[in-house]
C-alpha atoms as a PDB file:
ATOM      1  CA  MET A   1     155.941 146.186 278.791  1.00  0.00           C
ATOM      2  CA  ARG A   2     152.529 145.093 280.439  1.00  0.00           C
ATOM      3  CA  LEU A   3     150.889 147.929 278.585  1.00  0.00           C
ATOM      4  CA  HIS A   4     152.130 147.021 275.347  1.00  0.00           C
ATOM      5  CA  SER A   5     150.935 143.498 275.662  1.00  0.00           C
ATOM      6  CA  VAL A   6     147.386 144.763 276.598  1.00  0.00           C
ATOM      7  CA  ILE A   7     147.421 147.118 273.386  1.00  0.00           C
ATOM      8  CA  LEU A   8     148.855 144.318 271.363  1.00  0.00           C
ATOM      9  CA  ALA A   9     146.082 141.751 272.404  1.00  0.00           C
ATOM     10  CA  ALA A  10     143.371 144.658 272.093  1.00  0.00           C
ATOM     11  CA  GLY A  11     144.663 145.112 268.473  1.00  0.00           C
ATOM     12  CA  LEU A  12     144.681 141.460 267.550  1.00  0.00           C
ATOM     13  CA  GLY A  13     141.036 141.018 268.776  1.00  0.00           C
ATOM     14  CA  LEU A  14     139.822 144.011 266.874  1.00  0.00           C
ATOM     15  CA  PRO A  15     139.763 142.316 263.418  1.00  0.00           C
ATOM     16  CA  VAL A  16     137.787 139.300 264.713  1.00  0.00           C
ATOM     17  CA  ALA A  17     135.099 141.664 266.014  1.00  0.00           C
ATOM     18  CA  TRP A  18     135.271 143.619 262.632  1.00  0.00           C
ATOM     19  CA  SER A  19     134.899 140.320 260.508  1.00  0.00           C
ATOM     20  CA  SER A  20     131.966 139.148 262.787  1.00  0.00           C
ATOM     21  CA  ALA A  21     130.150 142.359 262.128  1.00  0.00           C
ATOM     22  CA  ALA A  22     130.549 142.184 258.630  1.00  0.00           C
ATOM     23  CA  VAL A  23     128.640 138.734 258.413  1.00  0.00           C
ATOM     24  CA  ALA A  24     125.958 139.835 260.879  1.00  0.00           C
ATOM     25  CA  GLN A  25     123.123 141.089 258.920  1.00  0.00           C
ATOM     26  CA  PRO A  26     119.155 140.980 259.130  1.00  0.00           C
ATOM     27  CA  TYR A  27     117.829 138.112 256.999  1.00  0.00           C
ATOM     28  CA  ASP A  28     114.454 138.219 255.145  1.00  0.00           C
ATOM     29  CA  ASN A  29     112.203 135.228 255.780  1.00  0.00           C
ATOM     30  CA  TYR A  30     112.480 133.017 252.931  1.00  0.00           C
ATOM     31  CA  PRO A  31     113.536 129.425 253.282  1.00  0.00           C
ATOM     32  CA  VAL A  32     116.812 129.541 250.890  1.00  0.00           C
ATOM     33  CA  CYS A  33     119.778 132.060 250.904  1.00  0.00           C
ATOM     34  CA  LEU A  34     122.555 132.429 248.284  1.00  0.00           C
ATOM     35  CA  ARG A  35     125.868 132.485 250.204  1.00  0.00           C
ATOM     36  CA  VAL A  36     128.438 134.581 248.561  1.00  0.00           C
ATOM     37  CA  TYR A  37     132.135 134.042 249.042  1.00  0.00           C
ATOM     38  CA  GLY A  38     134.943 136.656 248.525  1.00  0.00           C
ATOM     39  CA  PRO A  39     136.446 139.712 250.410  1.00  0.00           C
ATOM     40  CA  VAL A  40     133.345 139.895 252.329  1.00  0.00           C
ATOM     41  CA  ARG A  41     131.150 136.979 252.756  1.00  0.00           C
ATOM     42  CA  PHE A  42     127.203 137.596 253.038  1.00  0.00           C
ATOM     43  CA  ASP A  43     123.921 135.681 252.653  1.00  0.00           C
ATOM     44  CA  GLU A  44     121.289 137.106 250.450  1.00  0.00           C
ATOM     45  CA  CYS A  45     118.102 135.318 251.774  1.00  0.00           C
ATOM     46  CA  ARG A  46     115.397 136.038 249.184  1.00  0.00           C
ATOM     47  CA  TYR A  47     114.649 132.391 247.448  1.00  0.00           C
ATOM     48  CA  VAL A  48     111.626 130.152 247.966  1.00  0.00           C
ATOM     49  CA  SER A  49     113.780 127.286 246.540  1.00  0.00           C
ATOM     50  CA  ILE A  50     117.012 125.963 245.808  1.00  0.00           C
ATOM     51  CA  ASP A  51     116.286 125.935 241.916  1.00  0.00           C
ATOM     52  CA  GLN A  52     115.051 129.247 242.268  1.00  0.00           C
ATOM     53  CA  CYS A  53     118.547 130.510 243.936  1.00  0.00           C
ATOM     54  CA  ARG A  54     120.882 128.269 241.241  1.00  0.00           C
ATOM     55  CA  PRO A  55     120.903 130.708 238.538  1.00  0.00           C
ATOM     56  CA  SER A  56     122.092 133.704 240.657  1.00  0.00           C
ATOM     57  CA  ALA A  57     124.819 131.439 242.117  1.00  0.00           C
ATOM     58  CA  THR A  58     125.878 130.521 238.435  1.00  0.00           C
ATOM     59  CA  GLY A  59     129.292 131.957 237.791  1.00  0.00           C
ATOM     60  CA  ILE A  60     130.139 133.316 241.053  1.00  0.00           C
ATOM     61  CA  ALA A  61     131.861 132.145 244.201  1.00  0.00           C
ATOM     62  CA  GLY A  62     128.634 131.352 246.031  1.00  0.00           C
ATOM     63  CA  GLN A  63     126.207 128.450 246.743  1.00  0.00           C
ATOM     64  CA  CYS A  64     122.553 127.966 247.669  1.00  0.00           C
ATOM     65  CA  ILE A  65     121.849 126.928 251.182  1.00  0.00           C
ATOM     66  CA  THR A  66     118.852 126.600 253.361  1.00  0.00           C
ATOM     67  CA  ASN A  67     118.174 129.644 255.643  1.00  0.00           C
ATOM     68  CA  PRO A  68     119.032 128.825 259.100  1.00  0.00           C
ATOM     69  CA  TRP A  69     117.184 131.628 260.411  1.00  0.00           C
ATOM     70  CA  TYR A  70     113.733 130.893 258.275  1.00  0.00           C
ATOM     71  CA  GLN A  71     110.592 130.995 260.469  1.00  0.00           C
ATOM     72  CA  PRO A  72     107.865 129.247 258.614  1.00  0.00           C
ATOM     73  CA  PRO A  73     104.551 130.943 259.038  1.00  0.00           C
ATOM     74  CA  SER A  74     102.384 129.756 261.787  1.00  0.00           C
ATOM     75  CA  ALA A  75      99.212 128.199 261.204  1.00  0.00           C
ATOM     76  CA  PRO A  76      96.100 130.513 261.274  1.00  0.00           C
ATOM     77  CA  ALA A  77      94.223 130.080 264.439  1.00  0.00           C
ATOM     78  CA  ARG A  78      90.932 128.165 263.946  1.00  0.00           C
ATOM     79  CA  ARG A  79      87.967 129.561 264.903  1.00  0.00           C
ATOM     80  CA  HIS A  80      85.248 127.303 266.688  1.00  0.00           C
ATOM     81  CA  ARG A  81      81.838 127.687 265.201  1.00  0.00           C
ATOM     82  CA  GLY A  82      79.127 127.515 267.565  1.00  0.00           C
ATOM     83  CA  HIS A  83      75.486 126.361 266.417  1.00  0.00           C
END
């Protein structure tokens, strides 16, 4: 009986692991993502503005969101000019 409970618990945890893996993906470094909802949810991060993203979200189960993983480019290092 104990083994059956362990197998059942492991089996119930497996779909959760799969659903988390389906969402995990590398993100391009753009400030806006199109989040698409459906059998598999995914983010398509390749937009520079919400206005640029909106046409892609029209007519589908999706919305434009700010990219929580966006890393703005760092400012170039300033060089000191000696005289």
